[in-house]
PDB file of N, CA and C in Angstrom:
ATOM      1  N   MET A   1       0.853  -1.167   0.000  1.00  0.00           N
ATOM      2  CA  MET A   1       0.000   0.000   0.000  1.00  0.00           C
ATOM      3  C   MET A   1       0.907   1.241   0.000  1.00  0.00           C
ATOM      4  N   HIS A   2       0.670   2.119  -0.924  1.00  0.00           N
ATOM      5  CA  HIS A   2       1.490   3.313  -1.062  1.00  0.00           C
ATOM      6  C   HIS A   2       1.031   4.384  -0.073  1.00  0.00           C
ATOM      7  N   TYR A   3       1.999   5.036   0.575  1.00  0.00           N
ATOM      8  CA  TYR A   3       1.688   6.075   1.544  1.00  0.00           C
ATOM      9  C   TYR A   3       1.473   7.396   0.823  1.00  0.00           C
ATOM     10  N   THR A   4       0.214   7.800   0.718  1.00  0.00           N
ATOM     11  CA  THR A   4      -0.153   9.096   0.138  1.00  0.00           C
ATOM     12  C   THR A   4      -1.107   9.754   1.133  1.00  0.00           C
ATOM     13  N   PRO A   5      -0.551  10.381   2.170  1.00  0.00           N
ATOM     14  CA  PRO A   5      -1.360  10.844   3.298  1.00  0.00           C
ATOM     15  C   PRO A   5      -2.412  11.872   2.922  1.00  0.00           C
ATOM     16  N   VAL A   6      -3.528  11.779   3.618  1.00  0.00           N
ATOM     17  CA  VAL A   6      -4.599  12.765   3.500  1.00  0.00           C
ATOM     18  C   VAL A   6      -5.007  13.169   4.906  1.00  0.00           C
ATOM     19  N   CYS A   7      -5.493  14.386   5.034  1.00  0.00           N
ATOM     20  CA  CYS A   7      -5.944  14.901   6.328  1.00  0.00           C
ATOM     21  C   CYS A   7      -7.468  14.927   6.334  1.00  0.00           C
ATOM     22  N   GLY A   8      -8.036  14.364   7.379  1.00  0.00           N
ATOM     23  CA  GLY A   8      -9.488  14.386   7.523  1.00  0.00           C
ATOM     24  C   GLY A   8      -9.960  15.669   8.189  1.00  0.00           C
ATOM     25  N   ASN A   9     -11.261  15.936   8.056  1.00  0.00           N
ATOM     26  CA  ASN A   9     -11.813  17.130   8.685  1.00  0.00           C
ATOM     27  C   ASN A   9     -11.843  17.003  10.209  1.00  0.00           C
ATOM     28  N   ASN A  10     -11.422  15.858  10.747  1.00  0.00           N
ATOM     29  CA  ASN A  10     -11.272  15.665  12.188  1.00  0.00           C
ATOM     30  C   ASN A  10      -9.824  15.916  12.626  1.00  0.00           C
ATOM     31  N   ASN A  11      -9.014  16.456  11.712  1.00  0.00           N
ATOM     32  CA  ASN A  11      -7.612  16.791  11.964  1.00  0.00           C
ATOM     33  C   ASN A  11      -6.754  15.562  12.265  1.00  0.00           C
ATOM     34  N   ARG A  12      -7.098  14.420  11.658  1.00  0.00           N
ATOM     35  CA  ARG A  12      -6.301  13.202  11.778  1.00  0.00           C
ATOM     36  C   ARG A  12      -5.758  12.844  10.401  1.00  0.00           C
ATOM     37  N   THR A  13      -4.517  12.389  10.364  1.00  0.00           N
ATOM     38  CA  THR A  13      -3.893  11.973   9.111  1.00  0.00           C
ATOM     39  C   THR A  13      -4.203  10.511   8.862  1.00  0.00           C
ATOM     40  N   TYR A  14      -4.603  10.204   7.624  1.00  0.00           N
ATOM     41  CA  TYR A  14      -4.887   8.834   7.206  1.00  0.00           C
ATOM     42  C   TYR A  14      -3.864   8.420   6.156  1.00  0.00           C
ATOM     43  N   HIS A  15      -3.545   7.136   6.131  1.00  0.00           N
ATOM     44  CA  HIS A  15      -2.521   6.588   5.244  1.00  0.00           C
ATOM     45  C   HIS A  15      -2.768   6.946   3.781  1.00  0.00           C
ATOM     46  N   ASN A  16      -4.002   6.907   3.360  1.00  0.00           N
ATOM     47  CA  ASN A  16      -4.384   7.304   2.002  1.00  0.00           C
ATOM     48  C   ASN A  16      -5.894   7.558   1.981  1.00  0.00           C
ATOM     49  N   TYR A  17      -6.389   8.005   0.835  1.00  0.00           N
ATOM     50  CA  TYR A  17      -7.804   8.359   0.721  1.00  0.00           C
ATOM     51  C   TYR A  17      -8.712   7.141   0.917  1.00  0.00           C
ATOM     52  N   CYS A  18      -8.269   5.988   0.487  1.00  0.00           N
ATOM     53  CA  CYS A  18      -9.064   4.766   0.633  1.00  0.00           C
ATOM     54  C   CYS A  18      -9.310   4.447   2.110  1.00  0.00           C
ATOM     55  N   ILE A  19      -8.272   4.588   2.924  1.00  0.00           N
ATOM     56  CA  ILE A  19      -8.419   4.340   4.370  1.00  0.00           C
ATOM     57  C   ILE A  19      -9.398   5.347   4.972  1.00  0.00           C
ATOM     58  N   LEU A  20      -9.277   6.605   4.571  1.00  0.00           N
ATOM     59  CA  LEU A  20     -10.209   7.619   5.063  1.00  0.00           C
ATOM     60  C   LEU A  20     -11.652   7.247   4.705  1.00  0.00           C
ATOM     61  N   ARG A  21     -11.878   6.801   3.477  1.00  0.00           N
ATOM     62  CA  ARG A  21     -13.227   6.407   3.051  1.00  0.00           C
ATOM     63  C   ARG A  21     -13.748   5.235   3.862  1.00  0.00           C
ATOM     64  N   CYS A  22     -12.881   4.253   4.134  1.00  0.00           N
ATOM     65  CA  CYS A  22     -13.294   3.094   4.941  1.00  0.00           C
ATOM     66  C   CYS A  22     -13.693   3.527   6.347  1.00  0.00           C
ATOM     67  N   MET A  23     -12.905   4.429   6.934  1.00  0.00           N
ATOM     68  CA  MET A  23     -13.241   4.935   8.266  1.00  0.00           C
ATOM     69  C   MET A  23     -14.567   5.699   8.236  1.00  0.00           C
ATOM     70  N   ARG A  24     -14.802   6.393   7.148  1.00  0.00           N
ATOM     71  CA  ARG A  24     -16.063   7.130   7.004  1.00  0.00           C
ATOM     72  C   ARG A  24     -17.247   6.163   6.994  1.00  0.00           C
ATOM     73  N   ILE A  25     -17.122   5.069   6.284  1.00  0.00           N
ATOM     74  CA  ILE A  25     -18.210   4.091   6.183  1.00  0.00           C
ATOM     75  C   ILE A  25     -18.423   3.370   7.513  1.00  0.00           C
ATOM     76  N   ARG A  26     -17.323   3.003   8.183  1.00  0.00           N
ATOM     77  CA  ARG A  26     -17.429   2.177   9.379  1.00  0.00           C
ATOM     78  C   ARG A  26     -17.614   2.946  10.677  1.00  0.00           C
ATOM     79  N   VAL A  27     -17.063   4.150  10.771  1.00  0.00           N
ATOM     80  CA  VAL A  27     -17.017   4.825  12.057  1.00  0.00           C
ATOM     81  C   VAL A  27     -17.713   6.180  12.081  1.00  0.00           C
ATOM     82  N   ASN A  28     -17.423   7.028  11.096  1.00  0.00           N
ATOM     83  CA  ASN A  28     -17.847   8.416  11.176  1.00  0.00           C
ATOM     84  C   ASN A  28     -18.389   8.881   9.828  1.00  0.00           C
ATOM     85  N   ARG A  29     -19.674   8.904   9.675  1.00  0.00           N
ATOM     86  CA  ARG A  29     -20.304   9.283   8.400  1.00  0.00           C
ATOM     87  C   ARG A  29     -20.034  10.728   7.992  1.00  0.00           C
ATOM     88  N   THR A  30     -19.621  11.565   8.920  1.00  0.00           N
ATOM     89  CA  THR A  30     -19.356  12.970   8.588  1.00  0.00           C
ATOM     90  C   THR A  30     -17.890  13.217   8.218  1.00  0.00           C
ATOM     91  N   LEU A  31     -17.071  12.162   8.223  1.00  0.00           N
ATOM     92  CA  LEU A  31     -15.645  12.319   7.913  1.00  0.00           C
ATOM     93  C   LEU A  31     -15.457  12.671   6.438  1.00  0.00           C
ATOM     94  N   GLU A  32     -14.711  13.722   6.193  1.00  0.00           N
ATOM     95  CA  GLU A  32     -14.384  14.183   4.834  1.00  0.00           C
ATOM     96  C   GLU A  32     -12.892  14.446   4.753  1.00  0.00           C
ATOM     97  N   MET A  33     -12.363  14.490   3.547  1.00  0.00           N
ATOM     98  CA  MET A  33     -10.973  14.837   3.360  1.00  0.00           C
ATOM     99  C   MET A  33     -10.830  16.354   3.378  1.00  0.00           C
ATOM    100  N   ALA A  34      -9.923  16.858   4.216  1.00  0.00           N
ATOM    101  CA  ALA A  34      -9.668  18.299   4.279  1.00  0.00           C
ATOM    102  C   ALA A  34      -8.657  18.699   3.208  1.00  0.00           C
ATOM    103  N   HIS A  35      -7.588  17.890   3.058  1.00  0.00           N
ATOM    104  CA  HIS A  35      -6.578  18.136   2.021  1.00  0.00           C
ATOM    105  C   HIS A  35      -5.712  16.897   1.824  1.00  0.00           C
ATOM    106  N   ARG A  36      -4.934  16.899   0.735  1.00  0.00           N
ATOM    107  CA  ARG A  36      -4.137  15.732   0.346  1.00  0.00           C
ATOM    108  C   ARG A  36      -2.693  15.782   0.854  1.00  0.00           C
ATOM    109  N   TRP A  37      -2.500  16.050   2.123  1.00  0.00           N
ATOM    110  CA  TRP A  37      -1.193  15.949   2.758  1.00  0.00           C
ATOM    111  C   TRP A  37      -1.433  15.754   4.241  1.00  0.00           C
ATOM    112  N   GLU A  38      -0.360  15.480   4.987  1.00  0.00           N
ATOM    113  CA  GLU A  38      -0.515  15.219   6.410  1.00  0.00           C
ATOM    114  C   GLU A  38      -1.102  16.424   7.134  1.00  0.00           C
ATOM    115  N   CYS A  39      -1.905  16.147   8.134  1.00  0.00           N
ATOM    116  CA  CYS A  39      -2.457  17.225   8.961  1.00  0.00           C
ATOM    117  C   CYS A  39      -1.304  17.939   9.666  1.00  0.00           C
ATOM    118  N   GLY A  40      -1.426  19.243   9.768  1.00  0.00           N
ATOM    119  CA  GLY A  40      -0.412  20.022  10.468  1.00  0.00           C
ATOM    120  C   GLY A  40       0.803  20.367   9.634  1.00  0.00           C
ATOM    121  N   THR A  41       0.779  20.042   8.337  1.00  0.00           N
ATOM    122  CA  THR A  41       1.885  20.409   7.456  1.00  0.00           C
ATOM    123  C   THR A  41       1.335  21.200   6.276  1.00  0.00           C
ATOM    124  N   THR A  42       2.241  21.854   5.566  1.00  0.00           N
ATOM    125  CA  THR A  42       1.874  22.558   4.339  1.00  0.00           C
ATOM    126  C   THR A  42       2.243  21.659   3.166  1.00  0.00           C
ATOM    127  N   PRO A  43       1.734  21.920   1.968  1.00  0.00           N
ATOM    128  CA  PRO A  43       2.094  21.086   0.817  1.00  0.00           C
ATOM    129  C   PRO A  43       3.607  21.031   0.581  1.00  0.00           C
ATOM    130  N   ASP A  44       4.324  22.144   0.775  1.00  0.00           N
ATOM    131  CA  ASP A  44       5.774  22.146   0.579  1.00  0.00           C
ATOM    132  C   ASP A  44       6.475  21.269   1.604  1.00  0.00           C
ATOM    133  N   GLU A  45       6.026  21.322   2.855  1.00  0.00           N
ATOM    134  CA  GLU A  45       6.604  20.466   3.893  1.00  0.00           C
ATOM    135  C   GLU A  45       6.336  19.000   3.569  1.00  0.00           C
ATOM    136  N   GLN A  46       5.133  18.702   3.074  1.00  0.00           N
ATOM    137  CA  GLN A  46       4.791  17.324   2.740  1.00  0.00           C
ATOM    138  C   GLN A  46       5.658  16.824   1.602  1.00  0.00           C
ATOM    139  N   LYS A  47       5.919  17.670   0.604  1.00  0.00           N
ATOM    140  CA  LYS A  47       6.769  17.269  -0.519  1.00  0.00           C
ATOM    141  C   LYS A  47       8.159  16.907  -0.010  1.00  0.00           C
ATOM    142  N   ALA A  48       8.687  17.687   0.926  1.00  0.00           N
ATOM    143  CA  ALA A  48      10.001  17.395   1.503  1.00  0.00           C
ATOM    144  C   ALA A  48       9.966  16.075   2.261  1.00  0.00           C
ATOM    145  N   LEU A  49       8.873  15.804   2.997  1.00  0.00           N
ATOM    146  CA  LEU A  49       8.743  14.539   3.710  1.00  0.00           C
ATOM    147  C   LEU A  49       8.667  13.378   2.737  1.00  0.00           C
ATOM    148  N   ASP A  50       7.927  13.541   1.653  1.00  0.00           N
ATOM    149  CA  ASP A  50       7.799  12.480   0.656  1.00  0.00           C
ATOM    150  C   ASP A  50       9.151  12.137   0.052  1.00  0.00           C
ATOM    151  N   LEU A  51       9.959  13.144  -0.256  1.00  0.00           N
ATOM    152  CA  LEU A  51      11.276  12.901  -0.837  1.00  0.00           C
ATOM    153  C   LEU A  51      12.177  12.171   0.147  1.00  0.00           C
ATOM    154  N   ALA A  52      12.071  12.499   1.422  1.00  0.00           N
ATOM    155  CA  ALA A  52      12.890  11.842   2.442  1.00  0.00           C
ATOM    156  C   ALA A  52      12.506  10.381   2.609  1.00  0.00           C
ATOM    157  N   ASP A  53      11.265  10.033   2.320  1.00  0.00           N
ATOM    158  CA  ASP A  53      10.800   8.656   2.458  1.00  0.00           C
ATOM    159  C   ASP A  53      11.094   7.802   1.237  1.00  0.00           C
ATOM    160  N   GLU A  54      11.778   8.330   0.244  1.00  0.00           N
ATOM    161  CA  GLU A  54      12.070   7.595  -0.976  1.00  0.00           C
ATOM    162  C   GLU A  54      13.572   7.411  -1.142  1.00  0.00           C
ATOM    163  N   PRO A  55      14.184   6.477  -0.373  1.00  0.00           N
ATOM    164  CA  PRO A  55      15.628   6.309  -0.452  1.00  0.00           C
ATOM    165  C   PRO A  55      16.092   5.770  -1.806  1.00  0.00           C
ATOM    166  N   TRP A  56      15.200   5.198  -2.580  1.00  0.00           N
ATOM    167  CA  TRP A  56      15.568   4.644  -3.879  1.00  0.00           C
ATOM    168  C   TRP A  56      15.696   5.707  -4.946  1.00  0.00           C
ATOM    169  N   ARG A  57      15.329   6.915  -4.640  1.00  0.00           N
ATOM    170  CA  ARG A  57      15.390   7.973  -5.640  1.00  0.00           C
ATOM    171  C   ARG A  57      16.518   8.938  -5.298  1.00  0.00           C
ATOM    172  N   MET A  58      17.401   9.141  -6.242  1.00  0.00           N
ATOM    173  CA  MET A  58      18.522  10.046  -6.034  1.00  0.00           C
ATOM    174  C   MET A  58      18.322  11.253  -6.944  1.00  0.00           C
ATOM    175  N   PHE A  59      18.582  12.420  -6.414  1.00  0.00           N
ATOM    176  CA  PHE A  59      18.422  13.647  -7.183  1.00  0.00           C
ATOM    177  C   PHE A  59      19.786  14.235  -7.477  1.00  0.00           C
ATOM    178  N   ILE A  60      19.984  14.623  -8.716  1.00  0.00           N
ATOM    179  CA  ILE A  60      21.255  15.202  -9.122  1.00  0.00           C
ATOM    180  C   ILE A  60      21.002  16.488  -9.886  1.00  0.00           C
ATOM    181  N   GLU A  61      22.008  17.340  -9.911  1.00  0.00           N
ATOM    182  CA  GLU A  61      21.896  18.598 -10.651  1.00  0.00           C
ATOM    183  C   GLU A  61      22.621  18.432 -11.984  1.00  0.00           C
ATOM    184  N   ILE A  62      21.900  18.725 -13.055  1.00  0.00           N
ATOM    185  CA  ILE A  62      22.469  18.619 -14.402  1.00  0.00           C
ATOM    186  C   ILE A  62      22.180  19.914 -15.135  1.00  0.00           C
ATOM    187  N   ASP A  63      23.239  20.574 -15.585  1.00  0.00           N
ATOM    188  CA  ASP A  63      23.106  21.813 -16.352  1.00  0.00           C
ATOM    189  C   ASP A  63      22.171  22.825 -15.680  1.00  0.00           C
ATOM    190  N   GLY A  64      22.312  23.006 -14.385  1.00  0.00           N
ATOM    191  CA  GLY A  64      21.515  23.994 -13.671  1.00  0.00           C
ATOM    192  C   GLY A  64      20.111  23.539 -13.306  1.00  0.00           C
ATOM    193  N   GLY A  65      19.710  22.352 -13.734  1.00  0.00           N
ATOM    194  CA  GLY A  65      18.383  21.826 -13.397  1.00  0.00           C
ATOM    195  C   GLY A  65      18.524  20.612 -12.500  1.00  0.00           C
ATOM    196  N   VAL A  66      17.434  20.172 -11.935  1.00  0.00           N
ATOM    197  CA  VAL A  66      17.464  19.009 -11.053  1.00  0.00           C
ATOM    198  C   VAL A  66      16.764  17.861 -11.752  1.00  0.00           C
ATOM    199  N   SER A  67      17.382  16.697 -11.673  1.00  0.00           N
ATOM    200  CA  SER A  67      16.822  15.504 -12.285  1.00  0.00           C
ATOM    201  C   SER A  67      16.844  14.383 -11.251  1.00  0.00           C
ATOM    202  N   SER A  68      16.013  13.393 -11.430  1.00  0.00           N
ATOM    203  CA  SER A  68      16.020  12.257 -10.511  1.00  0.00           C
ATOM    204  C   SER A  68      16.448  11.008 -11.257  1.00  0.00           C
ATOM    205  N   ILE A  69      17.096  10.125 -10.523  1.00  0.00           N
ATOM    206  CA  ILE A  69      17.543   8.851 -11.075  1.00  0.00           C
ATOM    207  C   ILE A  69      16.889   7.754 -10.256  1.00  0.00           C
ATOM    208  N   ASP A  70      16.252   6.829 -10.913  1.00  0.00           N
ATOM    209  CA  ASP A  70      15.604   5.710 -10.241  1.00  0.00           C
ATOM    210  C   ASP A  70      16.685   4.697  -9.888  1.00  0.00           C
ATOM    211  N   ARG A  71      16.865   4.415  -8.589  1.00  0.00           N
ATOM    212  CA  ARG A  71      17.884   3.478  -8.147  1.00  0.00           C
ATOM    213  C   ARG A  71      17.223   2.167  -7.754  1.00  0.00           C
ATOM    214  N   ARG A  72      16.688   1.467  -8.710  1.00  0.00           N
ATOM    215  CA  ARG A  72      15.966   0.230  -8.424  1.00  0.00           C
ATOM    216  C   ARG A  72      16.907  -0.946  -8.185  1.00  0.00           C
ATOM    217  N   GLY A  73      18.154  -0.797  -8.534  1.00  0.00           N
ATOM    218  CA  GLY A  73      19.112  -1.868  -8.291  1.00  0.00           C
ATOM    219  C   GLY A  73      19.465  -2.616  -9.557  1.00  0.00           C
ATOM    220  N   PRO A  74      20.497  -3.472  -9.461  1.00  0.00           N
ATOM    221  CA  PRO A  74      20.963  -4.236 -10.618  1.00  0.00           C
ATOM    222  C   PRO A  74      19.852  -5.090 -11.216  1.00  0.00           C
ATOM    223  N   GLY A  75      19.820  -5.141 -12.526  1.00  0.00           N
ATOM    224  CA  GLY A  75      18.860  -5.991 -13.205  1.00  0.00           C
ATOM    225  C   GLY A  75      17.543  -5.326 -13.529  1.00  0.00           C
ATOM    226  N   ARG A  76      17.250  -4.211 -12.913  1.00  0.00           N
ATOM    227  CA  ARG A  76      15.990  -3.536 -13.178  1.00  0.00           C
ATOM    228  C   ARG A  76      16.165  -2.319 -14.072  1.00  0.00           C
ATOM    229  N   ASP A  77      17.290  -1.686 -13.965  1.00  0.00           N
ATOM    230  CA  ASP A  77      17.578  -0.523 -14.787  1.00  0.00           C
ATOM    231  C   ASP A  77      18.706  -0.914 -15.735  1.00  0.00           C
ATOM    232  N   PRO A  78      18.445  -0.945 -17.047  1.00  0.00           N
ATOM    233  CA  PRO A  78      19.454  -1.408 -17.990  1.00  0.00           C
ATOM    234  C   PRO A  78      20.779  -0.647 -17.891  1.00  0.00           C
ATOM    235  N   SER A  79      20.750   0.604 -17.475  1.00  0.00           N
ATOM    236  CA  SER A  79      21.991   1.363 -17.386  1.00  0.00           C
ATOM    237  C   SER A  79      22.854   0.904 -16.217  1.00  0.00           C
ATOM    238  N   CYS A  80      22.289   0.109 -15.296  1.00  0.00           N
ATOM    239  CA  CYS A  80      23.047  -0.362 -14.134  1.00  0.00           C
ATOM    240  C   CYS A  80      23.440  -1.831 -14.249  1.00  0.00           C
ATOM    241  N   GLU A  81      23.055  -2.488 -15.328  1.00  0.00           N
ATOM    242  CA  GLU A  81      23.350  -3.905 -15.467  1.00  0.00           C
ATOM    243  C   GLU A  81      24.835  -4.143 -15.720  1.00  0.00           C
ATOM    244  N   LYS A  82      25.333  -5.224 -15.125  1.00  0.00           N
ATOM    245  CA  LYS A  82      26.710  -5.623 -15.357  1.00  0.00           C
ATOM    246  C   LYS A  82      26.763  -6.369 -16.689  1.00  0.00           C
ATOM    247  N   ARG A  83      27.692  -5.988 -17.535  1.00  0.00           N
ATOM    248  CA  ARG A  83      27.813  -6.618 -18.852  1.00  0.00           C
ATOM    249  C   ARG A  83      29.175  -7.270 -18.984  1.00  0.00           C
ATOM    250  N   PRO A  84      29.261  -8.359 -19.751  1.00  0.00           N
ATOM    251  CA  PRO A  84      30.550  -9.015 -19.929  1.00  0.00           C
ATOM    252  C   PRO A  84      31.513  -8.142 -20.741  1.00  0.00           C
ATOM    253  N   GLY A  85      32.798  -8.397 -20.570  1.00  0.00           N
ATOM    254  CA  GLY A  85      33.801  -7.665 -21.344  1.00  0.00           C
ATOM    255  C   GLY A  85      34.461  -6.579 -20.530  1.00  0.00           C
ATOM    256  N   LYS A  86      35.479  -5.999 -21.106  1.00  0.00           N
ATOM    257  CA  LYS A  86      36.254  -4.949 -20.456  1.00  0.00           C
ATOM    258  C   LYS A  86      35.530  -3.611 -20.572  1.00  0.00           C
ATOM    259  N   SER A  87      35.561  -2.837 -19.494  1.00  0.00           N
ATOM    260  CA  SER A  87      34.938  -1.525 -19.493  1.00  0.00           C
ATOM    261  C   SER A  87      35.763  -0.561 -20.334  1.00  0.00           C
ATOM    262  N   THR A  88      35.065   0.292 -21.059  1.00  0.00           N
ATOM    263  CA  THR A  88      35.751   1.314 -21.856  1.00  0.00           C
ATOM    264  C   THR A  88      35.774   2.651 -21.135  1.00  0.00           C
ATOM    265  N   ASN A  89      35.257   2.676 -19.905  1.00  0.00           N
ATOM    266  CA  ASN A  89      35.225   3.911 -19.117  1.00  0.00           C
ATOM    267  C   ASN A  89      36.507   4.075 -18.332  1.00  0.00           C
ATOM    268  N   ASP A  90      36.845   5.310 -18.005  1.00  0.00           N
ATOM    269  CA  ASP A  90      38.036   5.604 -17.218  1.00  0.00           C
ATOM    270  C   ASP A  90      37.766   5.546 -15.722  1.00  0.00           C
ATOM    271  N   TRP A  91      36.544   5.262 -15.316  1.00  0.00           N
ATOM    272  CA  TRP A  91      36.197   5.245 -13.907  1.00  0.00           C
ATOM    273  C   TRP A  91      35.721   3.865 -13.517  1.00  0.00           C
ATOM    274  N   ALA A  92      35.779   3.575 -12.240  1.00  0.00           N
ATOM    275  CA  ALA A  92      35.345   2.273 -11.733  1.00  0.00           C
ATOM    276  C   ALA A  92      34.104   2.459 -10.883  1.00  0.00           C
ATOM    277  N   VAL A  93      33.261   1.464 -10.905  1.00  0.00           N
ATOM    278  CA  VAL A  93      32.025   1.509 -10.113  1.00  0.00           C
ATOM    279  C   VAL A  93      32.278   0.839  -8.794  1.00  0.00           C
TER     280      VAL A  93
END
């Protein structure tokens, strides 16, 4: 289950919108979503929290811009696969 927090109108953070809906059906019929981030945070703070929770994603600066690299590990990203033969690069991994 992916963590995409939402804040309910009861000022409680729910794991995602689906959980909030289930709680609405089972416990509190007046429960509504207040916004799509954790209660007590701003959208910018939530974005920073989301980035911190994604250790597999590395961000690098290229030509003055920021780009992300998916670090899924060997075998999943063709650019990270080990290939037979001698390396033609001047650097070692």
